[in-house]
Amino acid sequence: MREPISNKLRFDMTKTSPNQISKHFELDYNIRGSYLVQAIAIESIISDIIGHYFCQNNNRFGHFVGIIMNKSGITLASKIKILGKILQYNHPKQYKKYAKLMKQLKNVNEFRNLLAHSSSSYSQKFLSKKLDDRIVLAYYKDGKRVERIITKKDIEEKTTEFADIIDRLIEILSIVNTDKRPTKY
């Protein structure tokens, strides 16, 4: 009879020291944290763009972003779609100009979700290697457990484009802020 996967995920404290686990937590924090902090900044700018598009009034902008964009369960994927629609409907030339950005944002979201919703693997086999540049993330896809190695280099490569993404989002924010829309309908 096969051993349940849940047994493979448990710590064997006779083989794994608390210090080893602590070091792994710190490594996990450093690898995932740097990406997630920057992805949060990107999401915040997208929320601001959407908020400014729908609310020219500063009081309503704060309420809109605070109540709707950040508290109502609107996902980053949904915010990216809304941003795309704003550009597509109101700035078709800009929509074409920023097509690559929209693809990059979708990739940011997919990788963010992988980092945020996967658990770190604490298998003795992995921890015994005492690697200080990578973590193994475990998640389920199509009912099967999948493990993926994420290295510090992976994160560095993925975050190198973040400054450019943020610059282009700020350009879009400027475009949306200069829109002339009637305040009364």
Foldseek 3Di string as FASTA:
>chain_A
DDDDVVVQQDDPCVLDPPVLVVLQVVLLCVQLVVLLVLLVVLLVLLLLLVLLLVDVDPVSSCVCSVPPVPPDPQALLNSLVVLLVCCVVPPVVVSVVCVVLSVLSVVSRVVNCQSVVWDWGPGSVVSVVVDRFWTWTWDDDPRDIDIDIDGSVNSVVSCVCSVVSVVVSVVSSVVSNPDDDDPPD
